[in-house]
C-alpha atoms as a PDB file:
ATOM      1  CA  MET A   1     -63.541  -1.137 330.519  1.00  0.00           C
ATOM      2  CA  PHE A   2     -61.211  -2.957 332.143  1.00  0.00           C
ATOM      3  CA  PRO A   3     -57.424  -3.029 332.499  1.00  0.00           C
ATOM      4  CA  LEU A   4     -55.476  -5.360 330.409  1.00  0.00           C
ATOM      5  CA  LEU A   5     -52.656  -7.172 332.576  1.00  0.00           C
ATOM      6  CA  LEU A   6     -49.915  -8.952 330.997  1.00  0.00           C
ATOM      7  CA  GLY A   7     -46.849 -10.856 332.746  1.00  0.00           C
ATOM      8  CA  ASN A   8     -44.070  -8.157 331.215  1.00  0.00           C
ATOM      9  CA  VAL A   9     -46.234  -5.443 330.450  1.00  0.00           C
ATOM     10  CA  HIS A  10     -46.537  -2.718 332.967  1.00  0.00           C
ATOM     11  CA  ALA A  11     -48.759  -0.205 331.062  1.00  0.00           C
ATOM     12  CA  VAL A  12     -52.385  -0.056 331.943  1.00  0.00           C
ATOM     13  CA  CYS A  13     -54.579   2.430 329.513  1.00  0.00           C
ATOM     14  CA  LEU A  14     -57.967   3.464 330.400  1.00  0.00           C
ATOM     15  CA  CYS A  15     -59.794   5.185 327.327  1.00  0.00           C
ATOM     16  CA  LYS A  16     -62.482   7.458 328.005  1.00  0.00           C
ATOM     17  CA  GLY A  17     -64.382  10.209 326.003  1.00  0.00           C
ATOM     18  CA  ASN A  18     -63.751  14.060 326.671  1.00  0.00           C
ATOM     19  CA  GLU A  19     -66.438  16.679 326.174  1.00  0.00           C
ATOM     20  CA  ASP A  20     -65.895  16.987 322.843  1.00  0.00           C
ATOM     21  CA  GLY A  21     -66.095  13.247 321.906  1.00  0.00           C
ATOM     22  CA  GLU A  22     -62.363  12.587 321.690  1.00  0.00           C
ATOM     23  CA  THR A  23     -60.667   9.754 322.864  1.00  0.00           C
ATOM     24  CA  VAL A  24     -58.393  10.562 325.588  1.00  0.00           C
ATOM     25  CA  ILE A  25     -55.756   8.040 326.907  1.00  0.00           C
ATOM     26  CA  VAL A  26     -54.770   7.837 330.104  1.00  0.00           C
ATOM     27  CA  GLU A  27     -51.329   6.049 330.577  1.00  0.00           C
ATOM     28  CA  LYS A  28     -50.280   4.461 333.620  1.00  0.00           C
ATOM     29  CA  ASP A  29     -46.683   2.884 333.593  1.00  0.00           C
ATOM     30  CA  HIS A  30     -43.357   3.261 334.852  1.00  0.00           C
ATOM     31  CA  PHE A  31     -42.760   5.535 331.834  1.00  0.00           C
ATOM     32  CA  MET A  32     -44.481   8.710 333.979  1.00  0.00           C
ATOM     33  CA  ASP A  33     -42.091   7.631 337.060  1.00  0.00           C
ATOM     34  CA  ASP A  34     -38.650   7.774 334.914  1.00  0.00           C
ATOM     35  CA  PHE A  35     -40.093  11.089 333.239  1.00  0.00           C
ATOM     36  CA  PHE A  36     -40.739  12.717 336.848  1.00  0.00           C
ATOM     37  CA  GLN A  37     -37.271  11.560 337.898  1.00  0.00           C
ATOM     38  CA  GLN A  38     -35.813  13.325 335.080  1.00  0.00           C
ATOM     39  CA  VAL A  39     -38.001  16.470 335.794  1.00  0.00           C
ATOM     40  CA  GLU A  40     -36.297  16.281 339.398  1.00  0.00           C
ATOM     41  CA  GLU A  41     -32.779  16.032 337.976  1.00  0.00           C
ATOM     42  CA  ILE A  42     -33.052  18.897 335.482  1.00  0.00           C
ATOM     43  CA  ARG A  43     -34.577  20.858 338.504  1.00  0.00           C
ATOM     44  CA  ASN A  44     -31.843  20.390 340.520  1.00  0.00           C
ATOM     45  CA  ASN A  45     -29.418  21.191 337.864  1.00  0.00           C
ATOM     46  CA  ILE A  46     -31.260  24.527 337.077  1.00  0.00           C
ATOM     47  CA  THR A  47     -30.531  25.082 341.241  1.00  0.00           C
ATOM     48  CA  LYS A  48     -27.014  24.110 340.746  1.00  0.00           C
ATOM     49  CA  ILE A  49     -26.439  26.680 337.905  1.00  0.00           C
ATOM     50  CA  ALA A  50     -28.171  29.496 339.910  1.00  0.00           C
ATOM     51  CA  GLN A  51     -26.099  28.720 343.176  1.00  0.00           C
ATOM     52  CA  ASN A  52     -22.543  28.562 340.681  1.00  0.00           C
ATOM     53  CA  VAL A  53     -23.793  32.142 339.244  1.00  0.00           C
ATOM     54  CA  GLU A  54     -24.045  33.660 342.733  1.00  0.00           C
ATOM     55  CA  GLU A  55     -20.376  32.300 343.211  1.00  0.00           C
ATOM     56  CA  VAL A  56     -19.300  33.892 339.801  1.00  0.00           C
ATOM     57  CA  LYS A  57     -20.592  37.089 340.969  1.00  0.00           C
ATOM     58  CA  LYS A  58     -18.497  37.042 344.564  1.00  0.00           C
ATOM     59  CA  GLN A  59     -15.323  36.107 342.186  1.00  0.00           C
ATOM     60  CA  HIS A  60     -16.173  38.716 340.050  1.00  0.00           C
ATOM     61  CA  SER A  61     -16.388  41.112 342.740  1.00  0.00           C
ATOM     62  CA  ILE A  62     -12.885  40.158 344.288  1.00  0.00           C
ATOM     63  CA  ILE A  63     -11.244  40.296 340.730  1.00  0.00           C
ATOM     64  CA  LEU A  64     -12.429  43.706 340.268  1.00  0.00           C
ATOM     65  CA  SER A  65     -11.574  44.716 343.646  1.00  0.00           C
ATOM     66  CA  ALA A  66      -7.723  44.046 343.514  1.00  0.00           C
ATOM     67  CA  PRO A  67      -5.089  45.461 340.872  1.00  0.00           C
ATOM     68  CA  ASN A  68      -3.743  42.213 340.296  1.00  0.00           C
ATOM     69  CA  PRO A  69      -6.165  39.474 341.518  1.00  0.00           C
ATOM     70  CA  GLU A  70      -4.331  36.090 342.931  1.00  0.00           C
ATOM     71  CA  GLY A  71      -4.127  33.261 340.179  1.00  0.00           C
ATOM     72  CA  ARG A  72      -6.072  31.002 342.179  1.00  0.00           C
ATOM     73  CA  THR A  73      -9.136  33.394 342.196  1.00  0.00           C
ATOM     74  CA  LYS A  74      -8.957  33.303 338.429  1.00  0.00           C
ATOM     75  CA  GLU A  75      -8.688  29.836 338.201  1.00  0.00           C
ATOM     76  CA  GLU A  76     -11.425  29.321 340.788  1.00  0.00           C
ATOM     77  CA  LEU A  77     -13.638  31.468 338.246  1.00  0.00           C
ATOM     78  CA  GLU A  78     -12.734  29.546 335.537  1.00  0.00           C
ATOM     79  CA  GLU A  79     -13.761  26.189 336.843  1.00  0.00           C
ATOM     80  CA  LEU A  80     -17.450  27.669 337.943  1.00  0.00           C
ATOM     81  CA  ASN A  81     -17.660  29.043 334.074  1.00  0.00           C
ATOM     82  CA  GLU A  82     -16.873  25.449 332.913  1.00  0.00           C
ATOM     83  CA  GLU A  83     -19.096  23.985 335.368  1.00  0.00           C
ATOM     84  CA  ILE A  84     -21.718  26.142 334.372  1.00  0.00           C
ATOM     85  CA  LYS A  85     -21.113  25.185 330.798  1.00  0.00           C
ATOM     86  CA  LYS A  86     -21.144  21.586 331.240  1.00  0.00           C
ATOM     87  CA  THR A  87     -24.273  21.625 333.387  1.00  0.00           C
ATOM     88  CA  ALA A  88     -26.002  23.824 330.921  1.00  0.00           C
ATOM     89  CA  ASN A  89     -25.441  21.540 328.204  1.00  0.00           C
ATOM     90  CA  LYS A  90     -26.820  18.937 330.132  1.00  0.00           C
ATOM     91  CA  ILE A  91     -29.642  20.540 330.541  1.00  0.00           C
ATOM     92  CA  ARG A  92     -30.140  21.518 326.838  1.00  0.00           C
ATOM     93  CA  ALA A  93     -29.777  17.808 326.009  1.00  0.00           C
ATOM     94  CA  ARG A  94     -32.480  16.547 328.169  1.00  0.00           C
ATOM     95  CA  LEU A  95     -34.963  19.244 327.520  1.00  0.00           C
ATOM     96  CA  LYS A  96     -34.196  18.569 323.669  1.00  0.00           C
ATOM     97  CA  ALA A  97     -35.175  14.973 324.133  1.00  0.00           C
ATOM     98  CA  ILE A  98     -38.085  15.611 326.185  1.00  0.00           C
ATOM     99  CA  GLU A  99     -39.349  17.982 323.476  1.00  0.00           C
ATOM    100  CA  GLN A 100     -38.848  15.259 320.708  1.00  0.00           C
ATOM    101  CA  SER A 101     -40.523  12.719 322.888  1.00  0.00           C
ATOM    102  CA  VAL A 102     -43.536  15.002 323.151  1.00  0.00           C
ATOM    103  CA  ASP A 103     -43.586  15.866 319.314  1.00  0.00           C
ATOM    104  CA  GLN A 104     -43.746  11.977 318.689  1.00  0.00           C
ATOM    105  CA  SER A 105     -46.549  11.324 320.706  1.00  0.00           C
ATOM    106  CA  GLU A 106     -48.407  14.492 319.180  1.00  0.00           C
ATOM    107  CA  ASN A 107     -47.608  13.247 315.875  1.00  0.00           C
ATOM    108  CA  ALA A 108     -48.960   9.788 316.483  1.00  0.00           C
ATOM    109  CA  ASN A 109     -52.594  11.447 317.072  1.00  0.00           C
ATOM    110  CA  ARG A 110     -52.651  10.757 320.563  1.00  0.00           C
ATOM    111  CA  THR A 111     -54.229  13.075 322.973  1.00  0.00           C
ATOM    112  CA  SER A 112     -52.850  11.490 326.345  1.00  0.00           C
ATOM    113  CA  VAL A 113     -53.112  13.233 329.491  1.00  0.00           C
ATOM    114  CA  ASN A 114     -49.171  12.113 330.274  1.00  0.00           C
ATOM    115  CA  VAL A 115     -48.632  14.005 326.701  1.00  0.00           C
ATOM    116  CA  ARG A 116     -50.188  17.208 328.350  1.00  0.00           C
ATOM    117  CA  ILE A 117     -48.565  16.785 331.309  1.00  0.00           C
ATOM    118  CA  ARG A 118     -44.973  16.294 329.762  1.00  0.00           C
ATOM    119  CA  LYS A 119     -45.280  19.036 327.732  1.00  0.00           C
ATOM    120  CA  THR A 120     -46.410  21.652 330.280  1.00  0.00           C
ATOM    121  CA  GLN A 121     -43.249  20.361 332.648  1.00  0.00           C
ATOM    122  CA  HIS A 122     -41.098  20.792 329.628  1.00  0.00           C
ATOM    123  CA  SER A 123     -42.243  24.414 329.263  1.00  0.00           C
ATOM    124  CA  VAL A 124     -41.966  25.293 332.867  1.00  0.00           C
ATOM    125  CA  LEU A 125     -38.545  23.885 333.256  1.00  0.00           C
ATOM    126  CA  ALA A 126     -37.344  25.724 329.802  1.00  0.00           C
ATOM    127  CA  HIS A 127     -38.238  28.859 331.207  1.00  0.00           C
ATOM    128  CA  LYS A 128     -36.467  28.249 334.514  1.00  0.00           C
ATOM    129  CA  PHE A 129     -33.601  27.272 332.637  1.00  0.00           C
ATOM    130  CA  VAL A 130     -33.525  30.571 330.425  1.00  0.00           C
ATOM    131  CA  GLU A 131     -34.198  32.741 333.399  1.00  0.00           C
ATOM    132  CA  VAL A 132     -31.109  31.387 335.196  1.00  0.00           C
ATOM    133  CA  MET A 133     -29.043  31.410 331.590  1.00  0.00           C
ATOM    134  CA  THR A 134     -30.178  35.112 331.245  1.00  0.00           C
ATOM    135  CA  GLU A 135     -28.847  36.197 334.668  1.00  0.00           C
ATOM    136  CA  TYR A 136     -25.816  34.227 333.953  1.00  0.00           C
ATOM    137  CA  ASN A 137     -25.188  36.385 330.536  1.00  0.00           C
ATOM    138  CA  GLU A 138     -25.956  39.590 332.358  1.00  0.00           C
ATOM    139  CA  THR A 139     -23.631  38.906 334.984  1.00  0.00           C
ATOM    140  CA  GLN A 140     -21.102  38.160 332.290  1.00  0.00           C
ATOM    141  CA  THR A 141     -21.765  41.273 330.391  1.00  0.00           C
ATOM    142  CA  LEU A 142     -21.565  43.479 333.634  1.00  0.00           C
ATOM    143  CA  PHE A 143     -18.272  42.221 334.627  1.00  0.00           C
ATOM    144  CA  ARG A 144     -17.141  42.783 331.013  1.00  0.00           C
ATOM    145  CA  GLU A 145     -18.398  46.483 331.252  1.00  0.00           C
ATOM    146  CA  ARG A 146     -16.552  46.708 334.502  1.00  0.00           C
ATOM    147  CA  SER A 147     -13.546  45.288 333.637  1.00  0.00           C
ATOM    148  CA  LYS A 148     -13.422  47.752 330.454  1.00  0.00           C
ATOM    149  CA  GLY A 149     -13.886  50.594 332.733  1.00  0.00           C
ATOM    150  CA  ARG A 150     -10.810  49.384 334.559  1.00  0.00           C
ATOM    151  CA  ILE A 151      -8.704  49.294 331.758  1.00  0.00           C
ATOM    152  CA  GLN A 152      -9.985  52.808 330.500  1.00  0.00           C
ATOM    153  CA  ARG A 153      -9.147  54.345 334.167  1.00  0.00           C
ATOM    154  CA  GLN A 154      -5.565  52.562 333.829  1.00  0.00           C
ATOM    155  CA  LEU A 155      -4.858  54.122 330.493  1.00  0.00           C
ATOM    156  CA  GLU A 156      -6.029  57.530 331.716  1.00  0.00           C
ATOM    157  CA  ILE A 157      -3.168  57.041 334.690  1.00  0.00           C
ATOM    158  CA  THR A 158      -0.191  56.498 331.996  1.00  0.00           C
ATOM    159  CA  GLY A 159      -1.622  59.803 330.069  1.00  0.00           C
ATOM    160  CA  LYS A 160      -3.456  57.795 327.351  1.00  0.00           C
ATOM    161  CA  THR A 161      -6.963  59.126 326.712  1.00  0.00           C
ATOM    162  CA  THR A 162      -9.031  56.691 324.665  1.00  0.00           C
ATOM    163  CA  THR A 163     -12.997  56.749 323.610  1.00  0.00           C
ATOM    164  CA  ASP A 164     -15.311  53.818 323.952  1.00  0.00           C
ATOM    165  CA  GLU A 165     -15.135  53.126 320.420  1.00  0.00           C
ATOM    166  CA  GLU A 166     -11.307  52.913 320.399  1.00  0.00           C
ATOM    167  CA  LEU A 167     -11.300  50.841 323.482  1.00  0.00           C
ATOM    168  CA  GLU A 168     -13.620  48.535 321.762  1.00  0.00           C
ATOM    169  CA  GLU A 169     -11.400  48.493 318.920  1.00  0.00           C
ATOM    170  CA  MET A 170      -8.465  47.342 321.096  1.00  0.00           C
ATOM    171  CA  LEU A 171     -10.714  44.238 322.714  1.00  0.00           C
ATOM    172  CA  GLU A 172     -11.976  43.250 319.065  1.00  0.00           C
ATOM    173  CA  SER A 173      -8.349  43.164 318.003  1.00  0.00           C
ATOM    174  CA  GLY A 174      -7.054  40.953 320.679  1.00  0.00           C
ATOM    175  CA  ASN A 175      -4.057  43.218 321.004  1.00  0.00           C
ATOM    176  CA  PRO A 176      -3.640  45.561 323.914  1.00  0.00           C
ATOM    177  CA  SER A 177      -0.317  47.269 322.373  1.00  0.00           C
ATOM    178  CA  ILE A 178      -2.509  49.339 319.892  1.00  0.00           C
ATOM    179  CA  PHE A 179      -2.602  51.835 322.852  1.00  0.00           C
ATOM    180  CA  THR A 180       0.269  50.462 325.276  1.00  0.00           C
ATOM    181  CA  SER A 181       3.223  50.449 322.669  1.00  0.00           C
ATOM    182  CA  ASP A 182       4.035  54.102 323.030  1.00  0.00           C
ATOM    183  CA  ILE A 183       3.613  54.368 326.881  1.00  0.00           C
ATOM    184  CA  ILE A 184       7.041  54.695 328.581  1.00  0.00           C
ATOM    185  CA  SER A 185       6.867  52.760 331.733  1.00  0.00           C
ATOM    186  CA  ASP A 186       9.652  54.514 333.524  1.00  0.00           C
ATOM    187  CA  SER A 187       7.782  54.749 336.793  1.00  0.00           C
ATOM    188  CA  GLN A 188       6.296  52.425 339.255  1.00  0.00           C
ATOM    189  CA  ILE A 189       2.855  53.750 338.800  1.00  0.00           C
ATOM    190  CA  THR A 190       3.184  53.507 335.134  1.00  0.00           C
ATOM    191  CA  ARG A 191       4.283  49.470 335.191  1.00  0.00           C
ATOM    192  CA  GLN A 192       1.534  48.714 337.434  1.00  0.00           C
ATOM    193  CA  ALA A 193      -1.376  50.280 335.216  1.00  0.00           C
ATOM    194  CA  LEU A 194       0.289  48.286 332.106  1.00  0.00           C
ATOM    195  CA  ASN A 195       0.418  45.158 334.010  1.00  0.00           C
ATOM    196  CA  GLU A 196      -3.293  45.642 335.443  1.00  0.00           C
ATOM    197  CA  ILE A 197      -4.486  46.693 330.973  1.00  0.00           C
ATOM    198  CA  GLU A 198      -2.835  43.366 330.044  1.00  0.00           C
ATOM    199  CA  SER A 199      -4.505  41.307 332.999  1.00  0.00           C
ATOM    200  CA  ARG A 200      -8.037  42.970 332.458  1.00  0.00           C
ATOM    201  CA  HIS A 201      -7.599  42.461 328.681  1.00  0.00           C
ATOM    202  CA  LYS A 202      -6.887  38.512 329.088  1.00  0.00           C
ATOM    203  CA  ASP A 203      -9.872  38.392 331.353  1.00  0.00           C
ATOM    204  CA  ILE A 204     -12.276  40.082 328.712  1.00  0.00           C
ATOM    205  CA  MET A 205     -10.675  37.724 326.077  1.00  0.00           C
ATOM    206  CA  LYS A 206     -11.827  34.739 327.956  1.00  0.00           C
ATOM    207  CA  LEU A 207     -15.023  36.290 328.611  1.00  0.00           C
ATOM    208  CA  GLU A 208     -15.653  36.891 325.056  1.00  0.00           C
ATOM    209  CA  SER A 209     -14.748  33.135 324.154  1.00  0.00           C
ATOM    210  CA  SER A 210     -17.333  32.153 327.106  1.00  0.00           C
ATOM    211  CA  ILE A 211     -20.079  34.246 325.738  1.00  0.00           C
ATOM    212  CA  ARG A 212     -19.653  33.032 322.121  1.00  0.00           C
ATOM    213  CA  GLU A 213     -19.913  29.563 323.242  1.00  0.00           C
ATOM    214  CA  LEU A 214     -23.067  30.121 325.208  1.00  0.00           C
ATOM    215  CA  HIS A 215     -25.086  32.303 322.917  1.00  0.00           C
ATOM    216  CA  GLU A 216     -25.878  29.750 320.364  1.00  0.00           C
ATOM    217  CA  MET A 217     -27.423  27.558 323.179  1.00  0.00           C
ATOM    218  CA  PHE A 218     -29.100  30.525 324.797  1.00  0.00           C
ATOM    219  CA  MET A 219     -30.706  31.571 321.512  1.00  0.00           C
ATOM    220  CA  ASP A 220     -32.011  28.337 320.815  1.00  0.00           C
ATOM    221  CA  MET A 221     -33.732  27.773 324.065  1.00  0.00           C
ATOM    222  CA  ALA A 222     -34.974  31.487 324.194  1.00  0.00           C
ATOM    223  CA  MET A 223     -36.748  30.878 321.181  1.00  0.00           C
ATOM    224  CA  PHE A 224     -38.508  27.815 322.223  1.00  0.00           C
ATOM    225  CA  VAL A 225     -39.615  29.746 325.529  1.00  0.00           C
ATOM    226  CA  GLU A 226     -41.078  32.474 323.372  1.00  0.00           C
ATOM    227  CA  THR A 227     -43.049  30.279 321.020  1.00  0.00           C
ATOM    228  CA  GLN A 228     -44.107  28.380 324.459  1.00  0.00           C
ATOM    229  CA  GLY A 229     -44.713  31.656 326.555  1.00  0.00           C
ATOM    230  CA  GLU A 230     -48.367  31.813 325.379  1.00  0.00           C
ATOM    231  CA  MET A 231     -49.296  28.296 326.540  1.00  0.00           C
ATOM    232  CA  ILE A 232     -47.545  28.992 330.020  1.00  0.00           C
ATOM    233  CA  ASN A 233     -49.451  32.472 330.479  1.00  0.00           C
ATOM    234  CA  ASN A 234     -52.843  30.512 329.491  1.00  0.00           C
ATOM    235  CA  ILE A 235     -52.413  27.863 331.887  1.00  0.00           C
ATOM    236  CA  GLU A 236     -51.459  30.700 334.895  1.00  0.00           C
ATOM    237  CA  LYS A 237     -54.786  32.411 333.765  1.00  0.00           C
ATOM    238  CA  ASN A 238     -57.012  29.404 334.028  1.00  0.00           C
ATOM    239  CA  VAL A 239     -55.720  28.740 337.420  1.00  0.00           C
ATOM    240  CA  MET A 240     -56.249  32.649 338.143  1.00  0.00           C
ATOM    241  CA  ASN A 241     -59.665  32.407 336.885  1.00  0.00           C
ATOM    242  CA  ALA A 242     -60.448  29.210 338.947  1.00  0.00           C
ATOM    243  CA  THR A 243     -59.310  30.426 342.173  1.00  0.00           C
ATOM    244  CA  ASP A 244     -61.303  33.659 341.630  1.00  0.00           C
ATOM    245  CA  TYR A 245     -64.369  31.449 340.739  1.00  0.00           C
ATOM    246  CA  VAL A 246     -64.043  28.910 343.611  1.00  0.00           C
ATOM    247  CA  GLU A 247     -63.808  32.427 345.713  1.00  0.00           C
ATOM    248  CA  HIS A 248     -66.779  33.991 344.111  1.00  0.00           C
ATOM    249  CA  ALA A 249     -68.486  30.691 344.600  1.00  0.00           C
ATOM    250  CA  LYS A 250     -68.013  30.753 348.334  1.00  0.00           C
ATOM    251  CA  GLU A 251     -69.247  34.471 348.814  1.00  0.00           C
ATOM    252  CA  GLU A 252     -72.582  33.599 346.739  1.00  0.00           C
ATOM    253  CA  THR A 253     -72.816  30.535 349.067  1.00  0.00           C
ATOM    254  CA  LYS A 254     -72.725  32.387 351.984  1.00  0.00           C
ATOM    255  CA  LYS A 255     -75.270  34.982 350.461  1.00  0.00           C
ATOM    256  CA  ALA A 256     -77.501  32.344 349.874  1.00  0.00           C
ATOM    257  CA  VAL A 257     -77.362  30.847 353.383  1.00  0.00           C
ATOM    258  CA  LYS A 258     -77.856  34.275 354.611  1.00  0.00           C
ATOM    259  CA  TYR A 259     -81.032  34.877 352.429  1.00  0.00           C
ATOM    260  CA  GLN A 260     -82.445  31.493 353.194  1.00  0.00           C
ATOM    261  CA  SER A 261     -82.264  32.095 357.039  1.00  0.00           C
ATOM    262  CA  LYS A 262     -84.178  35.493 356.650  1.00  0.00           C
ATOM    263  CA  ALA A 263     -86.482  33.701 354.197  1.00  0.00           C
ATOM    264  CA  ARG A 264     -87.019  31.214 356.856  1.00  0.00           C
ATOM    265  CA  ARG A 265     -87.725  33.711 359.657  1.00  0.00           C
ATOM    266  CA  LYS A 266     -90.247  35.496 357.407  1.00  0.00           C
ATOM    267  CA  LEU A 267     -92.316  32.808 356.668  1.00  0.00           C
ATOM    268  CA  ILE A 268     -92.447  31.719 360.393  1.00  0.00           C
ATOM    269  CA  PHE A 269     -93.524  35.275 360.995  1.00  0.00           C
ATOM    270  CA  ILE A 270     -96.064  34.983 358.343  1.00  0.00           C
ATOM    271  CA  ILE A 271     -97.546  31.916 359.895  1.00  0.00           C
ATOM    272  CA  ILE A 272     -97.457  32.973 363.055  1.00  0.00           C
ATOM    273  CA  CYS A 273     -99.391  36.362 362.048  1.00  0.00           C
ATOM    274  CA  VAL A 274    -101.935  34.116 360.133  1.00  0.00           C
ATOM    275  CA  THR A 275    -102.558  31.904 363.016  1.00  0.00           C
ATOM    276  CA  VAL A 276    -103.088  34.961 365.254  1.00  0.00           C
ATOM    277  CA  LEU A 277    -105.790  36.494 362.745  1.00  0.00           C
ATOM    278  CA  LEU A 278    -107.487  33.258 362.363  1.00  0.00           C
ATOM    279  CA  LEU A 279    -107.801  32.969 366.122  1.00  0.00           C
ATOM    280  CA  ILE A 280    -109.332  36.763 366.403  1.00  0.00           C
ATOM    281  CA  LEU A 281    -111.763  35.873 363.368  1.00  0.00           C
ATOM    282  CA  GLY A 282    -112.707  33.007 365.181  1.00  0.00           C
ATOM    283  CA  ILE A 283    -113.248  34.527 368.524  1.00  0.00           C
ATOM    284  CA  ILE A 284    -115.099  37.237 366.704  1.00  0.00           C
ATOM    285  CA  LEU A 285    -117.618  34.602 364.930  1.00  0.00           C
ATOM    286  CA  ALA A 286    -117.971  32.987 367.998  1.00  0.00           C
ATOM    287  CA  THR A 287    -119.224  35.977 370.046  1.00  0.00           C
ATOM    288  CA  THR A 288    -121.221  36.787 366.970  1.00  0.00           C
ATOM    289  CA  LEU A 289    -123.193  33.670 366.728  1.00  0.00           C
ATOM    290  CA  SER A 290    -123.698  33.602 370.742  1.00  0.00           C
END
């Protein structure tokens, strides 16, 4: 087989048969260079989301620790959330494009090493993406629960006791006046409590909107990872089995060398014994004949 070189053609295809008699196409072109560049960009964007999620956690702590957080703090939180959504949508689009490209190659009945590489890389990246988005979703959910707890405590300060179900009803309605309309704000403490209730309620409303926007994307990628999870697990299992086999082979080799060394010593000892025995027999025969 010889590579075909043409002026404007960068691809070099080497065809060979695998153990099953199947033709495997090994492609060498600039396409894979571009692909790995995309992989690196996606990986960097996933890392960027992870870093932003950590910043979101810090902003949540600041907001929850202050009765009336500064407006700038909430603005920074909004900017972080928008940046995460923007980056997540970009990653999702890139992963979708790779998935479609792999499907097209498989539908063309081509068994290519490069196709397998792209499929594996796509699965790994999708797993990482879902992991970081799961952490982001958990962070948002925790912030919602802690904000809801603050609202409940402030309602108790005003003398209004509510159950968890009633509080959820207020949040779903988007109208905090359901519980605050009959509260008389005739004291400084009560007014501060009412202000915090309204502030926390607005935070939760924004949070609900953010969670809904990300839900469809998250579920889409999570379903894909679930279907591809078995393949990744098999890859990891094969790697572990290969490692165990290599270690086992090393031990068996050491045993074989040790056994061979012992066998050699035994052979030398037997030769010496036979030689001595022959000498003794020779001496006895010589004495008898004389």
